[in-house]
């Protein structure tokens, strides 16, 4: 987690590597997004 924050690299490949690594460590991030329909107000 801190490694990703320090790198500042949030492209799809870096994110996928991070979450695959979490799964391999027997962990899973639970992301709770409230008012998710608000995302549709951003540019397409």
ModelCIF file with pLDDT and N, C-alpha, C, O atoms, coordinates in Angstrom:
data_MODEL
#
_entry.id   MODEL 
#
_entity.id                         1 
_entity.type                       polymer 
_entity.pdbx_number_of_molecules   1 
#
_entity_poly.entity_id                      1 
_entity_poly.type                           'polypeptide(L)' 
_entity_poly.nstd_linkage                   no 
_entity_poly.nstd_monomer                   no 
_entity_poly.pdbx_seq_one_letter_code       
;(UNK)(UNK)(UNK)(UNK)(UNK)(UNK)(UNK)(UNK)(UNK)(UNK)(UNK)(UNK)(UNK)(UNK)(UNK)(UNK)
(UNK)(UNK)(UNK)(UNK)(UNK)(UNK)(UNK)(UNK)(UNK)(UNK)(UNK)(UNK)(UNK)(UNK)(UNK)(UNK)
(UNK)(UNK)(UNK)(UNK)(UNK)(UNK)(UNK)(UNK)(UNK)(UNK)(UNK)(UNK)
;
_entity_poly.pdbx_seq_one_letter_code_can   XXXXXXXXXXXXXXXXXXXXXXXXXXXXXXXXXXXXXXXXXXXX 
_entity_poly.pdbx_strand_id                 A 
#
loop_
_entity_poly_seq.entity_id 
_entity_poly_seq.num 
_entity_poly_seq.mon_id 
_entity_poly_seq.hetero 
1 1  UNK n 
1 2  UNK n 
1 3  UNK n 
1 4  UNK n 
1 5  UNK n 
1 6  UNK n 
1 7  UNK n 
1 8  UNK n 
1 9  UNK n 
1 10 UNK n 
1 11 UNK n 
1 12 UNK n 
1 13 UNK n 
1 14 UNK n 
1 15 UNK n 
1 16 UNK n 
1 17 UNK n 
1 18 UNK n 
1 19 UNK n 
1 20 UNK n 
1 21 UNK n 
1 22 UNK n 
1 23 UNK n 
1 24 UNK n 
1 25 UNK n 
1 26 UNK n 
1 27 UNK n 
1 28 UNK n 
1 29 UNK n 
1 30 UNK n 
1 31 UNK n 
1 32 UNK n 
1 33 UNK n 
1 34 UNK n 
1 35 UNK n 
1 36 UNK n 
1 37 UNK n 
1 38 UNK n 
1 39 UNK n 
1 40 UNK n 
1 41 UNK n 
1 42 UNK n 
1 43 UNK n 
1 44 UNK n 
#
_struct_asym.id          A 
_struct_asym.entity_id   1 
#
loop_
_ma_qa_metric.id 
_ma_qa_metric.mode 
_ma_qa_metric.name 
_ma_qa_metric.software_group_id 
_ma_qa_metric.type 
1 global pLDDT . pLDDT 
2 local  pLDDT . pLDDT 
#
_ma_qa_metric_global.metric_id      1 
_ma_qa_metric_global.metric_value   92.73 
_ma_qa_metric_global.model_id       1 
_ma_qa_metric_global.ordinal_id     1 
#
loop_
_ma_qa_metric_local.label_asym_id 
_ma_qa_metric_local.label_comp_id 
_ma_qa_metric_local.label_seq_id 
_ma_qa_metric_local.metric_id 
_ma_qa_metric_local.metric_value 
_ma_qa_metric_local.model_id 
_ma_qa_metric_local.ordinal_id 
A UNK 1  2 89.00 1 1  
A UNK 2  2 88.00 1 2  
A UNK 3  2 88.00 1 3  
A UNK 4  2 90.00 1 4  
A UNK 5  2 91.00 1 5  
A UNK 6  2 91.00 1 6  
A UNK 7  2 91.00 1 7  
A UNK 8  2 91.00 1 8  
A UNK 9  2 91.00 1 9  
A UNK 10 2 92.00 1 10 
A UNK 11 2 91.00 1 11 
A UNK 12 2 90.00 1 12 
A UNK 13 2 92.00 1 13 
A UNK 14 2 92.00 1 14 
A UNK 15 2 94.00 1 15 
A UNK 16 2 94.00 1 16 
A UNK 17 2 92.00 1 17 
A UNK 18 2 91.00 1 18 
A UNK 19 2 94.00 1 19 
A UNK 20 2 93.00 1 20 
A UNK 21 2 89.00 1 21 
A UNK 22 2 91.00 1 22 
A UNK 23 2 93.00 1 23 
A UNK 24 2 91.00 1 24 
A UNK 25 2 89.00 1 25 
A UNK 26 2 91.00 1 26 
A UNK 27 2 91.00 1 27 
A UNK 28 2 93.00 1 28 
A UNK 29 2 95.00 1 29 
A UNK 30 2 95.00 1 30 
A UNK 31 2 97.00 1 31 
A UNK 32 2 97.00 1 32 
A UNK 33 2 97.00 1 33 
A UNK 34 2 97.00 1 34 
A UNK 35 2 96.00 1 35 
A UNK 36 2 96.00 1 36 
A UNK 37 2 93.00 1 37 
A UNK 38 2 95.00 1 38 
A UNK 39 2 95.00 1 39 
A UNK 40 2 94.00 1 40 
A UNK 41 2 94.00 1 41 
A UNK 42 2 96.00 1 42 
A UNK 43 2 95.00 1 43 
A UNK 44 2 95.00 1 44 
#
loop_
_atom_site.group_PDB 
_atom_site.id 
_atom_site.type_symbol 
_atom_site.label_atom_id 
_atom_site.label_alt_id 
_atom_site.label_comp_id 
_atom_site.label_asym_id 
_atom_site.label_entity_id 
_atom_site.label_seq_id 
_atom_site.pdbx_PDB_ins_code 
_atom_site.Cartn_x 
_atom_site.Cartn_y 
_atom_site.Cartn_z 
_atom_site.occupancy 
_atom_site.B_iso_or_equiv 
_atom_site.pdbx_formal_charge 
_atom_site.auth_seq_id 
_atom_site.auth_comp_id 
_atom_site.auth_asym_id 
_atom_site.auth_atom_id 
_atom_site.pdbx_PDB_model_num 
ATOM 1   N N  . UNK A 1 1  ? 0.832   -1.202  0.000   1.00 89.00 ? 1  UNK A N  1 
ATOM 2   C CA . UNK A 1 1  ? 0.000   0.000   0.000   1.00 89.00 ? 1  UNK A CA 1 
ATOM 3   C C  . UNK A 1 1  ? 0.871   1.259   0.000   1.00 89.00 ? 1  UNK A C  1 
ATOM 4   O O  . UNK A 1 1  ? 0.667   2.159   -0.815  1.00 89.00 ? 1  UNK A O  1 
ATOM 5   N N  . UNK A 1 2  ? 1.831   1.317   0.906   1.00 88.00 ? 2  UNK A N  1 
ATOM 6   C CA . UNK A 1 2  ? 2.701   2.495   0.966   1.00 88.00 ? 2  UNK A CA 1 
ATOM 7   C C  . UNK A 1 2  ? 3.597   2.571   -0.263  1.00 88.00 ? 2  UNK A C  1 
ATOM 8   O O  . UNK A 1 2  ? 3.941   3.660   -0.721  1.00 88.00 ? 2  UNK A O  1 
ATOM 9   N N  . UNK A 1 3  ? 3.977   1.404   -0.799  1.00 88.00 ? 3  UNK A N  1 
ATOM 10  C CA . UNK A 1 3  ? 4.800   1.400   -2.011  1.00 88.00 ? 3  UNK A CA 1 
ATOM 11  C C  . UNK A 1 3  ? 4.073   2.023   -3.186  1.00 88.00 ? 3  UNK A C  1 
ATOM 12  O O  . UNK A 1 3  ? 4.663   2.779   -3.958  1.00 88.00 ? 3  UNK A O  1 
ATOM 13  N N  . UNK A 1 4  ? 2.795   1.709   -3.324  1.00 90.00 ? 4  UNK A N  1 
ATOM 14  C CA . UNK A 1 4  ? 2.011   2.290   -4.408  1.00 90.00 ? 4  UNK A CA 1 
ATOM 15  C C  . UNK A 1 4  ? 1.850   3.794   -4.218  1.00 90.00 ? 4  UNK A C  1 
ATOM 16  O O  . UNK A 1 4  ? 1.928   4.558   -5.180  1.00 90.00 ? 4  UNK A O  1 
ATOM 17  N N  . UNK A 1 5  ? 1.628   4.216   -2.982  1.00 91.00 ? 5  UNK A N  1 
ATOM 18  C CA . UNK A 1 5  ? 1.483   5.646   -2.705  1.00 91.00 ? 5  UNK A CA 1 
ATOM 19  C C  . UNK A 1 5  ? 2.777   6.399   -3.022  1.00 91.00 ? 5  UNK A C  1 
ATOM 20  O O  . UNK A 1 5  ? 2.743   7.492   -3.586  1.00 91.00 ? 5  UNK A O  1 
ATOM 21  N N  . UNK A 1 6  ? 3.908   5.810   -2.659  1.00 91.00 ? 6  UNK A N  1 
ATOM 22  C CA . UNK A 1 6  ? 5.188   6.479   -2.918  1.00 91.00 ? 6  UNK A CA 1 
ATOM 23  C C  . UNK A 1 6  ? 5.506   6.545   -4.408  1.00 91.00 ? 6  UNK A C  1 
ATOM 24  O O  . UNK A 1 6  ? 6.083   7.524   -4.883  1.00 91.00 ? 6  UNK A O  1 
ATOM 25  N N  . UNK A 1 7  ? 5.133   5.515   -5.130  1.00 91.00 ? 7  UNK A N  1 
ATOM 26  C CA . UNK A 1 7  ? 5.437   5.496   -6.572  1.00 91.00 ? 7  UNK A CA 1 
ATOM 27  C C  . UNK A 1 7  ? 4.554   6.471   -7.339  1.00 91.00 ? 7  UNK A C  1 
ATOM 28  O O  . UNK A 1 7  ? 4.966   7.025   -8.358  1.00 91.00 ? 7  UNK A O  1 
ATOM 29  N N  . UNK A 1 8  ? 3.331   6.678   -6.840  1.00 91.00 ? 8  UNK A N  1 
ATOM 30  C CA . UNK A 1 8  ? 2.396   7.548   -7.542  1.00 91.00 ? 8  UNK A CA 1 
ATOM 31  C C  . UNK A 1 8  ? 1.922   6.983   -8.866  1.00 91.00 ? 8  UNK A C  1 
ATOM 32  O O  . UNK A 1 8  ? 1.385   7.709   -9.702  1.00 91.00 ? 8  UNK A O  1 
ATOM 33  N N  . UNK A 1 9  ? 2.120   5.696   -9.055  1.00 91.00 ? 9  UNK A N  1 
ATOM 34  C CA . UNK A 1 9  ? 1.760   5.048   -10.325 1.00 91.00 ? 9  UNK A CA 1 
ATOM 35  C C  . UNK A 1 9  ? 0.435   4.322   -10.141 1.00 91.00 ? 9  UNK A C  1 
ATOM 36  O O  . UNK A 1 9  ? 0.370   3.284   -9.482  1.00 91.00 ? 9  UNK A O  1 
ATOM 37  N N  . UNK A 1 10 ? -0.620  4.879   -10.731 1.00 92.00 ? 10 UNK A N  1 
ATOM 38  C CA . UNK A 1 10 ? -1.948  4.294   -10.567 1.00 92.00 ? 10 UNK A CA 1 
ATOM 39  C C  . UNK A 1 10 ? -2.550  3.882   -11.906 1.00 92.00 ? 10 UNK A C  1 
ATOM 40  O O  . UNK A 1 10 ? -3.769  3.902   -12.077 1.00 92.00 ? 10 UNK A O  1 
ATOM 41  N N  . UNK A 1 11 ? -1.693  3.510   -12.853 1.00 91.00 ? 11 UNK A N  1 
ATOM 42  C CA . UNK A 1 11 ? -2.267  3.035   -14.110 1.00 91.00 ? 11 UNK A CA 1 
ATOM 43  C C  . UNK A 1 11 ? -2.825  1.624   -13.911 1.00 91.00 ? 11 UNK A C  1 
ATOM 44  O O  . UNK A 1 11 ? -2.604  1.003   -12.872 1.00 91.00 ? 11 UNK A O  1 
ATOM 45  N N  . UNK A 1 12 ? -3.533  1.136   -14.891 1.00 90.00 ? 12 UNK A N  1 
ATOM 46  C CA . UNK A 1 12 ? -4.242  -0.136  -14.747 1.00 90.00 ? 12 UNK A CA 1 
ATOM 47  C C  . UNK A 1 12 ? -3.309  -1.290  -14.419 1.00 90.00 ? 12 UNK A C  1 
ATOM 48  O O  . UNK A 1 12 ? -3.673  -2.179  -13.650 1.00 90.00 ? 12 UNK A O  1 
ATOM 49  N N  . UNK A 1 13 ? -2.105  -1.291  -14.994 1.00 92.00 ? 13 UNK A N  1 
ATOM 50  C CA . UNK A 1 13 ? -1.174  -2.396  -14.766 1.00 92.00 ? 13 UNK A CA 1 
ATOM 51  C C  . UNK A 1 13 ? -0.647  -2.381  -13.334 1.00 92.00 ? 13 UNK A C  1 
ATOM 52  O O  . UNK A 1 13 ? -0.553  -3.431  -12.697 1.00 92.00 ? 13 UNK A O  1 
ATOM 53  N N  . UNK A 1 14 ? -0.303  -1.195  -12.824 1.00 92.00 ? 14 UNK A N  1 
ATOM 54  C CA . UNK A 1 14 ? 0.187   -1.097  -11.447 1.00 92.00 ? 14 UNK A CA 1 
ATOM 55  C C  . UNK A 1 14 ? -0.893  -1.486  -10.448 1.00 92.00 ? 14 UNK A C  1 
ATOM 56  O O  . UNK A 1 14 ? -0.615  -2.177  -9.468  1.00 92.00 ? 14 UNK A O  1 
ATOM 57  N N  . UNK A 1 15 ? -2.124  -1.045  -10.692 1.00 94.00 ? 15 UNK A N  1 
ATOM 58  C CA . UNK A 1 15 ? -3.227  -1.395  -9.809  1.00 94.00 ? 15 UNK A CA 1 
ATOM 59  C C  . UNK A 1 15 ? -3.500  -2.899  -9.833  1.00 94.00 ? 15 UNK A C  1 
ATOM 60  O O  . UNK A 1 15 ? -3.731  -3.516  -8.793  1.00 94.00 ? 15 UNK A O  1 
ATOM 61  N N  . UNK A 1 16 ? -3.470  -3.480  -11.037 1.00 94.00 ? 16 UNK A N  1 
ATOM 62  C CA . UNK A 1 16 ? -3.714  -4.915  -11.136 1.00 94.00 ? 16 UNK A CA 1 
ATOM 63  C C  . UNK A 1 16 ? -2.633  -5.701  -10.409 1.00 94.00 ? 16 UNK A C  1 
ATOM 64  O O  . UNK A 1 16 ? -2.939  -6.670  -9.714  1.00 94.00 ? 16 UNK A O  1 
ATOM 65  N N  . UNK A 1 17 ? -1.373  -5.300  -10.558 1.00 92.00 ? 17 UNK A N  1 
ATOM 66  C CA . UNK A 1 17 ? -0.283  -5.971  -9.848  1.00 92.00 ? 17 UNK A CA 1 
ATOM 67  C C  . UNK A 1 17 ? -0.490  -5.897  -8.335  1.00 92.00 ? 17 UNK A C  1 
ATOM 68  O O  . UNK A 1 17 ? -0.266  -6.873  -7.619  1.00 92.00 ? 17 UNK A O  1 
ATOM 69  N N  . UNK A 1 18 ? -0.920  -4.725  -7.858  1.00 91.00 ? 18 UNK A N  1 
ATOM 70  C CA . UNK A 1 18 ? -1.127  -4.541  -6.417  1.00 91.00 ? 18 UNK A CA 1 
ATOM 71  C C  . UNK A 1 18 ? -2.234  -5.450  -5.902  1.00 91.00 ? 18 UNK A C  1 
ATOM 72  O O  . UNK A 1 18 ? -2.064  -6.115  -4.880  1.00 91.00 ? 18 UNK A O  1 
ATOM 73  N N  . UNK A 1 19 ? -3.367  -5.486  -6.600  1.00 94.00 ? 19 UNK A N  1 
ATOM 74  C CA . UNK A 1 19 ? -4.492  -6.294  -6.110  1.00 94.00 ? 19 UNK A CA 1 
ATOM 75  C C  . UNK A 1 19 ? -4.236  -7.790  -6.275  1.00 94.00 ? 19 UNK A C  1 
ATOM 76  O O  . UNK A 1 19 ? -4.686  -8.586  -5.450  1.00 94.00 ? 19 UNK A O  1 
ATOM 77  N N  . UNK A 1 20 ? -3.531  -8.175  -7.311  1.00 93.00 ? 20 UNK A N  1 
ATOM 78  C CA . UNK A 1 20 ? -3.137  -9.578  -7.441  1.00 93.00 ? 20 UNK A CA 1 
ATOM 79  C C  . UNK A 1 20 ? -2.218  -9.951  -6.278  1.00 93.00 ? 20 UNK A C  1 
ATOM 80  O O  . UNK A 1 20 ? -2.337  -11.037 -5.711  1.00 93.00 ? 20 UNK A O  1 
ATOM 81  N N  . UNK A 1 21 ? -1.301  -9.047  -5.925  1.00 89.00 ? 21 UNK A N  1 
ATOM 82  C CA . UNK A 1 21 ? -0.418  -9.293  -4.790  1.00 89.00 ? 21 UNK A CA 1 
ATOM 83  C C  . UNK A 1 21 ? -1.180  -9.442  -3.482  1.00 89.00 ? 21 UNK A C  1 
ATOM 84  O O  . UNK A 1 21 ? -0.838  -10.284 -2.651  1.00 89.00 ? 21 UNK A O  1 
ATOM 85  N N  . UNK A 1 22 ? -2.215  -8.626  -3.298  1.00 91.00 ? 22 UNK A N  1 
ATOM 86  C CA . UNK A 1 22 ? -3.038  -8.763  -2.088  1.00 91.00 ? 22 UNK A CA 1 
ATOM 87  C C  . UNK A 1 22 ? -3.698  -10.142 -2.044  1.00 91.00 ? 22 UNK A C  1 
ATOM 88  O O  . UNK A 1 22 ? -3.722  -10.799 -1.003  1.00 91.00 ? 22 UNK A O  1 
ATOM 89  N N  . UNK A 1 23 ? -4.233  -10.568 -3.192  1.00 93.00 ? 23 UNK A N  1 
ATOM 90  C CA . UNK A 1 23 ? -4.885  -11.877 -3.239  1.00 93.00 ? 23 UNK A CA 1 
ATOM 91  C C  . UNK A 1 23 ? -3.895  -12.995 -2.943  1.00 93.00 ? 23 UNK A C  1 
ATOM 92  O O  . UNK A 1 23 ? -4.225  -13.943 -2.230  1.00 93.00 ? 23 UNK A O  1 
ATOM 93  N N  . UNK A 1 24 ? -2.693  -12.893 -3.480  1.00 91.00 ? 24 UNK A N  1 
ATOM 94  C CA . UNK A 1 24 ? -1.680  -13.923 -3.234  1.00 91.00 ? 24 UNK A CA 1 
ATOM 95  C C  . UNK A 1 24 ? -1.264  -13.969 -1.767  1.00 91.00 ? 24 UNK A C  1 
ATOM 96  O O  . UNK A 1 24 ? -0.821  -15.005 -1.269  1.00 91.00 ? 24 UNK A O  1 
ATOM 97  N N  . UNK A 1 25 ? -1.412  -12.831 -1.077  1.00 89.00 ? 25 UNK A N  1 
ATOM 98  C CA . UNK A 1 25 ? -1.097  -12.782 0.360   1.00 89.00 ? 25 UNK A CA 1 
ATOM 99  C C  . UNK A 1 25 ? -2.284  -13.217 1.219   1.00 89.00 ? 25 UNK A C  1 
ATOM 100 O O  . UNK A 1 25 ? -2.225  -13.167 2.448   1.00 89.00 ? 25 UNK A O  1 
ATOM 101 N N  . UNK A 1 26 ? -3.365  -13.646 0.554   1.00 91.00 ? 26 UNK A N  1 
ATOM 102 C CA . UNK A 1 26 ? -4.551  -14.092 1.283   1.00 91.00 ? 26 UNK A CA 1 
ATOM 103 C C  . UNK A 1 26 ? -5.418  -12.956 1.785   1.00 91.00 ? 26 UNK A C  1 
ATOM 104 O O  . UNK A 1 26 ? -6.160  -13.116 2.755   1.00 91.00 ? 26 UNK A O  1 
ATOM 105 N N  . UNK A 1 27 ? -5.326  -11.796 1.122   1.00 91.00 ? 27 UNK A N  1 
ATOM 106 C CA . UNK A 1 27 ? -6.072  -10.622 1.560   1.00 91.00 ? 27 UNK A CA 1 
ATOM 107 C C  . UNK A 1 27 ? -6.925  -10.078 0.414   1.00 91.00 ? 27 UNK A C  1 
ATOM 108 O O  . UNK A 1 27 ? -6.726  -10.422 -0.752  1.00 91.00 ? 27 UNK A O  1 
ATOM 109 N N  . UNK A 1 28 ? -7.859  -9.240  0.770   1.00 93.00 ? 28 UNK A N  1 
ATOM 110 C CA . UNK A 1 28 ? -8.737  -8.616  -0.217  1.00 93.00 ? 28 UNK A CA 1 
ATOM 111 C C  . UNK A 1 28 ? -9.174  -7.262  0.330   1.00 93.00 ? 28 UNK A C  1 
ATOM 112 O O  . UNK A 1 28 ? -9.632  -7.174  1.469   1.00 93.00 ? 28 UNK A O  1 
ATOM 113 N N  . UNK A 1 29 ? -9.039  -6.212  -0.467  1.00 95.00 ? 29 UNK A N  1 
ATOM 114 C CA . UNK A 1 29 ? -9.528  -4.896  -0.054  1.00 95.00 ? 29 UNK A CA 1 
ATOM 115 C C  . UNK A 1 29 ? -11.021 -4.805  -0.315  1.00 95.00 ? 29 UNK A C  1 
ATOM 116 O O  . UNK A 1 29 ? -11.482 -5.111  -1.415  1.00 95.00 ? 29 UNK A O  1 
ATOM 117 N N  . UNK A 1 30 ? -11.777 -4.388  0.689   1.00 95.00 ? 30 UNK A N  1 
ATOM 118 C CA . UNK A 1 30 ? -13.203 -4.126  0.529   1.00 95.00 ? 30 UNK A CA 1 
ATOM 119 C C  . UNK A 1 30 ? -13.374 -2.618  0.380   1.00 95.00 ? 30 UNK A C  1 
ATOM 120 O O  . UNK A 1 30 ? -13.137 -1.860  1.321   1.00 95.00 ? 30 UNK A O  1 
ATOM 121 N N  . UNK A 1 31 ? -13.780 -2.196  -0.794  1.00 97.00 ? 31 UNK A N  1 
ATOM 122 C CA . UNK A 1 31 ? -13.960 -0.780  -1.086  1.00 97.00 ? 31 UNK A CA 1 
ATOM 123 C C  . UNK A 1 31 ? -15.446 -0.458  -1.064  1.00 97.00 ? 31 UNK A C  1 
ATOM 124 O O  . UNK A 1 31 ? -16.217 -1.003  -1.854  1.00 97.00 ? 31 UNK A O  1 
ATOM 125 N N  . UNK A 1 32 ? -15.847 0.429   -0.158  1.00 97.00 ? 32 UNK A N  1 
ATOM 126 C CA . UNK A 1 32 ? -17.237 0.823   0.002   1.00 97.00 ? 32 UNK A CA 1 
ATOM 127 C C  . UNK A 1 32 ? -17.406 2.220   -0.596  1.00 97.00 ? 32 UNK A C  1 
ATOM 128 O O  . UNK A 1 32 ? -16.833 3.187   -0.094  1.00 97.00 ? 32 UNK A O  1 
ATOM 129 N N  . UNK A 1 33 ? -18.182 2.320   -1.655  1.00 97.00 ? 33 UNK A N  1 
ATOM 130 C CA . UNK A 1 33 ? -18.378 3.592   -2.348  1.00 97.00 ? 33 UNK A CA 1 
ATOM 131 C C  . UNK A 1 33 ? -19.823 4.052   -2.179  1.00 97.00 ? 33 UNK A C  1 
ATOM 132 O O  . UNK A 1 33 ? -20.745 3.452   -2.730  1.00 97.00 ? 33 UNK A O  1 
ATOM 133 N N  . UNK A 1 34 ? -20.005 5.104   -1.424  1.00 97.00 ? 34 UNK A N  1 
ATOM 134 C CA . UNK A 1 34 ? -21.326 5.663   -1.184  1.00 97.00 ? 34 UNK A CA 1 
ATOM 135 C C  . UNK A 1 34 ? -21.682 6.659   -2.289  1.00 97.00 ? 34 UNK A C  1 
ATOM 136 O O  . UNK A 1 34 ? -20.806 7.352   -2.806  1.00 97.00 ? 34 UNK A O  1 
ATOM 137 N N  . UNK A 1 35 ? -22.970 6.732   -2.652  1.00 96.00 ? 35 UNK A N  1 
ATOM 138 C CA . UNK A 1 35 ? -23.442 7.647   -3.697  1.00 96.00 ? 35 UNK A CA 1 
ATOM 139 C C  . UNK A 1 35 ? -22.659 7.442   -5.000  1.00 96.00 ? 35 UNK A C  1 
ATOM 140 O O  . UNK A 1 35 ? -22.213 8.405   -5.625  1.00 96.00 ? 35 UNK A O  1 
ATOM 141 N N  . UNK A 1 36 ? -22.502 6.190   -5.394  1.00 96.00 ? 36 UNK A N  1 
ATOM 142 C CA . UNK A 1 36 ? -21.658 5.898   -6.558  1.00 96.00 ? 36 UNK A CA 1 
ATOM 143 C C  . UNK A 1 36 ? -22.254 6.476   -7.836  1.00 96.00 ? 36 UNK A C  1 
ATOM 144 O O  . UNK A 1 36 ? -21.517 6.723   -8.791  1.00 96.00 ? 36 UNK A O  1 
ATOM 145 N N  . UNK A 1 37 ? -23.574 6.700   -7.882  1.00 93.00 ? 37 UNK A N  1 
ATOM 146 C CA . UNK A 1 37 ? -24.158 7.283   -9.083  1.00 93.00 ? 37 UNK A CA 1 
ATOM 147 C C  . UNK A 1 37 ? -23.680 8.712   -9.320  1.00 93.00 ? 37 UNK A C  1 
ATOM 148 O O  . UNK A 1 37 ? -23.861 9.257   -10.409 1.00 93.00 ? 37 UNK A O  1 
ATOM 149 N N  . UNK A 1 38 ? -23.067 9.322   -8.298  1.00 95.00 ? 38 UNK A N  1 
ATOM 150 C CA . UNK A 1 38 ? -22.494 10.660  -8.476  1.00 95.00 ? 38 UNK A CA 1 
ATOM 151 C C  . UNK A 1 38 ? -21.342 10.638  -9.487  1.00 95.00 ? 38 UNK A C  1 
ATOM 152 O O  . UNK A 1 38 ? -21.046 11.661  -10.105 1.00 95.00 ? 38 UNK A O  1 
ATOM 153 N N  . UNK A 1 39 ? -20.694 9.487   -9.660  1.00 95.00 ? 39 UNK A N  1 
ATOM 154 C CA . UNK A 1 39 ? -19.590 9.396   -10.632 1.00 95.00 ? 39 UNK A CA 1 
ATOM 155 C C  . UNK A 1 39 ? -20.057 9.721   -12.043 1.00 95.00 ? 39 UNK A C  1 
ATOM 156 O O  . UNK A 1 39 ? -19.253 10.137  -12.878 1.00 95.00 ? 39 UNK A O  1 
ATOM 157 N N  . UNK A 1 40 ? -21.350 9.537   -12.323 1.00 94.00 ? 40 UNK A N  1 
ATOM 158 C CA . UNK A 1 40 ? -21.866 9.801   -13.658 1.00 94.00 ? 40 UNK A CA 1 
ATOM 159 C C  . UNK A 1 40 ? -21.940 11.287  -13.957 1.00 94.00 ? 40 UNK A C  1 
ATOM 160 O O  . UNK A 1 40 ? -22.204 11.672  -15.096 1.00 94.00 ? 40 UNK A O  1 
ATOM 161 N N  . UNK A 1 41 ? -21.711 12.133  -12.955 1.00 94.00 ? 41 UNK A N  1 
ATOM 162 C CA . UNK A 1 41 ? -21.721 13.571  -13.170 1.00 94.00 ? 41 UNK A CA 1 
ATOM 163 C C  . UNK A 1 41 ? -20.367 14.088  -13.663 1.00 94.00 ? 41 UNK A C  1 
ATOM 164 O O  . UNK A 1 41 ? -20.247 15.246  -14.062 1.00 94.00 ? 41 UNK A O  1 
ATOM 165 N N  . UNK A 1 42 ? -19.363 13.231  -13.631 1.00 96.00 ? 42 UNK A N  1 
ATOM 166 C CA . UNK A 1 42 ? -18.050 13.630  -14.137 1.00 96.00 ? 42 UNK A CA 1 
ATOM 167 C C  . UNK A 1 42 ? -18.022 13.520  -15.662 1.00 96.00 ? 42 UNK A C  1 
ATOM 168 O O  . UNK A 1 42 ? -18.899 12.888  -16.252 1.00 96.00 ? 42 UNK A O  1 
ATOM 169 N N  . UNK A 1 43 ? -17.023 14.128  -16.303 1.00 95.00 ? 43 UNK A N  1 
ATOM 170 C CA . UNK A 1 43 ? -16.919 14.001  -17.757 1.00 95.00 ? 43 UNK A CA 1 
ATOM 171 C C  . UNK A 1 43 ? -16.892 12.536  -18.178 1.00 95.00 ? 43 UNK A C  1 
ATOM 172 O O  . UNK A 1 43 ? -16.367 11.699  -17.443 1.00 95.00 ? 43 UNK A O  1 
ATOM 173 N N  . UNK A 1 44 ? -17.447 12.207  -19.344 1.00 95.00 ? 44 UNK A N  1 
ATOM 174 C CA . UNK A 1 44 ? -17.531 10.800  -19.774 1.00 95.00 ? 44 UNK A CA 1 
ATOM 175 C C  . UNK A 1 44 ? -16.201 10.063  -19.724 1.00 95.00 ? 44 UNK A C  1 
ATOM 176 O O  . UNK A 1 44 ? -16.138 8.880   -20.060 1.00 95.00 ? 44 UNK A O  1 
#
